[in-house]
């Protein structure tokens, strides 16, 4: 199977590994302090409810957010390769021994250009090829059709919908607003077959 991008691993002090993945148009890299202003453009007023608790209002908030992300090797900034401008982020959480939950958040100003697909495809390939993932899944709110379509385009299988699964915001009366959540997933063997077929 051919990688969708070049994967470069850098090692720094205390044996903490940082990862940079390059694709045709993008660079997926650890967050940097210089990303603060661009981060505010999409976390200043998140459109999707699952990111409401990450809403940022000042540069100081963005810098604290970046400092936390820098501690997590499974969180990468999505940047334009030519300018290094931050346009979104990817993140994963490992569930032992070999399952990873993934997610992404893209600045809406850069939607509709194929960046999310390009970034997510490279990120998932990296999880399977370099991190030993056997299964990758993602939770998506039932009304987030753009993200659901991305999962389908990535070849992820729809596995069901959890009714009133989680609450990120409250109703006008202060009670929790519960949302239906869909789950999409793909196995390494399925991913490998899909990628091989696409390149043949």
Protein backbone atom coordinates (compact mmCIF):
# COMPACT_ATOMS: atom_id res chain seq x y z
CA UNK A 1 0.00 0.00 0.00
CA UNK A 2 1.31 3.44 -0.87
CA UNK A 3 1.20 6.20 1.73
CA UNK A 4 -0.98 9.21 0.97
CA UNK A 5 1.80 11.41 2.28
CA UNK A 6 5.39 11.37 3.43
CA UNK A 7 5.64 10.56 7.13
CA UNK A 8 8.53 12.09 9.05
CA UNK A 9 9.12 11.25 12.70
CA UNK A 10 11.19 13.57 14.89
CA UNK A 11 12.34 12.69 18.38
CA UNK A 12 12.88 15.27 21.08
CA UNK A 13 13.92 15.28 24.74
CA UNK A 14 12.52 12.71 27.15
CA UNK A 15 11.82 10.36 24.23
CA UNK A 16 8.65 12.20 23.35
CA UNK A 17 7.95 11.76 19.65
CA UNK A 18 6.48 14.43 17.46
CA UNK A 19 5.11 13.62 14.07
CA UNK A 20 4.97 15.56 10.83
CA UNK A 21 2.98 14.20 7.90
CA UNK A 22 3.09 15.91 4.52
CA UNK A 23 0.60 15.42 1.70
CA UNK A 24 0.26 17.07 -1.69
CA UNK A 25 -1.13 20.32 -0.26
CA UNK A 26 -0.90 19.99 3.50
CA UNK A 27 1.46 19.61 6.42
CA UNK A 28 0.14 17.88 9.54
CA UNK A 29 2.37 18.90 12.43
CA UNK A 30 2.36 19.62 16.17
CA UNK A 31 0.75 22.90 17.22
CA UNK A 32 2.96 25.98 17.62
CA UNK A 33 2.39 29.22 19.52
CA UNK A 34 2.25 31.10 16.22
CA UNK A 35 -1.02 29.24 15.47
CA UNK A 36 -2.94 31.18 18.15
CA UNK A 37 -4.55 33.77 15.87
CA UNK A 38 -5.64 31.21 13.27
CA UNK A 39 -6.96 28.95 16.03
CA UNK A 40 -9.23 31.73 17.25
CA UNK A 41 -10.81 32.02 13.79
CA UNK A 42 -12.51 28.63 14.11
CA UNK A 43 -12.66 28.05 17.87
CA UNK A 44 -13.84 31.57 18.60
CA UNK A 45 -17.35 30.48 17.61
CA UNK A 46 -17.53 26.72 16.94
CA UNK A 47 -20.40 25.70 14.66
CA UNK A 48 -20.57 22.09 15.85
CA UNK A 49 -21.86 21.52 19.37
CA UNK A 50 -19.18 18.98 20.29
CA UNK A 51 -16.59 21.78 20.18
CA UNK A 52 -18.59 24.32 22.19
CA UNK A 53 -16.70 23.48 25.38
CA UNK A 54 -13.45 24.35 23.58
CA UNK A 55 -14.61 27.83 22.57
CA UNK A 56 -11.81 30.40 22.86
CA UNK A 57 -12.22 34.14 23.35
CA UNK A 58 -8.68 35.51 23.69
CA UNK A 59 -5.12 34.88 22.58
CA UNK A 60 -4.23 33.74 26.09
CA UNK A 61 -6.91 31.05 25.85
CA UNK A 62 -5.54 29.93 22.49
CA UNK A 63 -2.00 29.69 23.87
CA UNK A 64 -3.21 27.52 26.76
CA UNK A 65 -5.09 25.33 24.29
CA UNK A 66 -1.96 24.98 22.17
CA UNK A 67 0.16 24.09 25.22
CA UNK A 68 -2.23 21.25 26.03
CA UNK A 69 -2.26 19.99 22.45
CA UNK A 70 1.54 20.00 22.35
CA UNK A 71 1.54 17.35 25.09
CA UNK A 72 -0.45 14.95 22.89
CA UNK A 73 1.35 13.23 20.01
CA UNK A 74 -2.03 12.13 18.65
CA UNK A 75 -3.15 15.69 17.98
CA UNK A 76 -1.86 17.41 14.84
CA UNK A 77 -2.46 20.82 13.33
CA UNK A 78 -3.65 20.87 9.70
CA UNK A 79 -1.62 23.50 7.84
CA UNK A 80 -1.30 24.59 4.24
CA UNK A 81 2.03 23.29 2.99
CA UNK A 82 2.95 26.42 1.05
CA UNK A 83 2.28 28.95 3.83
CA UNK A 84 2.16 26.87 7.04
CA UNK A 85 -1.19 28.54 7.83
CA UNK A 86 -3.29 26.64 10.38
CA UNK A 87 -6.68 25.61 8.95
CA UNK A 88 -7.80 22.91 11.39
CA UNK A 89 -6.79 19.94 13.48
CA UNK A 90 -6.91 16.16 13.74
CA UNK A 91 -6.88 14.13 16.92
CA UNK A 92 -7.03 10.54 18.07
CA UNK A 93 -7.36 8.64 21.32
CA UNK A 94 -5.99 5.16 21.78
CA UNK A 95 -8.07 2.43 23.39
CA UNK A 96 -5.82 -0.47 24.30
CA UNK A 97 -4.62 -2.52 22.68
CA UNK A 98 -5.11 -1.37 19.09
CA UNK A 99 -8.28 0.71 18.59
CA UNK A 100 -8.24 4.45 17.93
CA UNK A 101 -11.07 6.96 18.06
CA UNK A 102 -10.49 9.87 15.67
CA UNK A 103 -11.88 13.32 15.05
CA UNK A 104 -11.22 16.49 13.10
CA UNK A 105 -12.13 20.15 13.08
CA UNK A 106 -11.65 22.35 10.01
CA UNK A 107 -11.96 26.11 9.71
CA UNK A 108 -15.16 26.60 7.69
CA UNK A 109 -13.36 29.12 5.46
CA UNK A 110 -11.42 26.20 3.99
CA UNK A 111 -14.28 23.74 3.57
CA UNK A 112 -15.25 22.41 0.17
CA UNK A 113 -11.67 22.19 -1.11
CA UNK A 114 -10.91 18.57 -0.20
CA UNK A 115 -8.55 19.50 2.62
CA UNK A 116 -10.42 17.52 5.28
CA UNK A 117 -10.35 14.36 3.17
CA UNK A 118 -6.68 14.79 2.31
CA UNK A 119 -5.73 15.34 5.95
CA UNK A 120 -7.92 12.60 7.45
CA UNK A 121 -6.78 10.05 4.87
CA UNK A 122 -3.12 10.68 5.65
CA UNK A 123 -3.80 10.68 9.41
CA UNK A 124 -5.67 7.37 9.35
CA UNK A 125 -2.97 5.82 7.15
CA UNK A 126 -0.41 6.90 9.73
CA UNK A 127 -2.40 5.33 12.57
CA UNK A 128 -2.60 2.02 10.72
CA UNK A 129 0.95 1.96 9.34
CA UNK A 130 2.96 3.58 12.12
CA UNK A 131 0.91 3.35 15.32
CA UNK A 132 -0.25 -0.25 15.07
CA UNK A 133 -3.95 0.51 14.81
CA UNK A 134 -6.23 -2.41 13.98
CA UNK A 135 -9.52 -0.49 14.10
CA UNK A 136 -10.26 3.22 13.70
CA UNK A 137 -13.66 4.74 14.47
CA UNK A 138 -15.28 8.13 14.80
CA UNK A 139 -18.39 9.51 16.49
CA UNK A 140 -20.40 12.05 14.47
CA UNK A 141 -23.53 13.95 15.49
CA UNK A 142 -26.54 12.88 13.43
CA UNK A 143 -27.02 16.41 12.04
CA UNK A 144 -23.37 16.85 11.03
CA UNK A 145 -23.86 15.67 7.46
CA UNK A 146 -20.57 17.11 6.20
CA UNK A 147 -18.56 15.00 8.63
CA UNK A 148 -20.70 11.93 7.96
CA UNK A 149 -20.03 12.30 4.24
CA UNK A 150 -16.31 12.57 4.95
CA UNK A 151 -16.41 9.30 6.89
CA UNK A 152 -18.17 7.61 3.97
CA UNK A 153 -15.67 9.00 1.48
CA UNK A 154 -12.86 7.64 3.65
CA UNK A 155 -14.44 4.21 3.35
CA UNK A 156 -15.56 4.05 6.96
CA UNK A 157 -18.54 1.81 7.65
CA UNK A 158 -21.70 3.13 9.31
CA UNK A 159 -22.18 0.97 12.41
CA UNK A 160 -25.23 2.53 13.99
CA UNK A 161 -26.75 5.50 15.78
CA UNK A 162 -26.92 6.01 19.54
CA UNK A 163 -30.13 7.85 20.45
CA UNK A 164 -29.73 10.83 22.78
CA UNK A 165 -26.19 9.63 23.42
CA UNK A 166 -24.46 12.75 24.73
CA UNK A 167 -25.02 16.39 25.61
CA UNK A 168 -22.67 19.26 24.74
CA UNK A 169 -25.03 22.21 25.23
CA UNK A 170 -28.17 23.02 27.20
CA UNK A 171 -31.70 23.83 26.08
CA UNK A 172 -33.12 27.30 26.72
CA UNK A 173 -34.55 26.10 30.03
CA UNK A 174 -31.12 24.94 31.21
CA UNK A 175 -31.72 21.21 30.79
CA UNK A 176 -29.18 19.15 28.81
CA UNK A 177 -29.79 18.92 25.07
CA UNK A 178 -29.05 15.32 24.16
CA UNK A 179 -27.89 14.51 20.65
CA UNK A 180 -28.08 11.40 18.51
CA UNK A 181 -24.59 10.18 17.62
CA UNK A 182 -23.55 8.02 14.68
CA UNK A 183 -20.50 5.78 14.66
CA UNK A 184 -18.33 5.04 11.62
CA UNK A 185 -15.38 2.64 11.62
CA UNK A 186 -12.87 0.81 9.46
CA UNK A 187 -10.44 -2.06 10.04
CA UNK A 188 -6.83 -2.03 8.92
CA UNK A 189 -7.44 -4.89 6.47
CA UNK A 190 -10.37 -2.97 4.96
CA UNK A 191 -8.30 0.20 4.71
CA UNK A 192 -5.40 -1.63 3.08
CA UNK A 193 -7.69 -3.20 0.48
CA UNK A 194 -9.36 0.14 -0.26
CA UNK A 195 -6.07 2.00 -0.64
CA UNK A 196 -4.58 -0.72 -2.83
CA UNK A 197 -7.60 -0.71 -5.13
CA UNK A 198 -7.49 3.09 -5.44
CA UNK A 199 -3.87 3.01 -6.58
CA UNK A 200 -4.24 0.12 -9.06
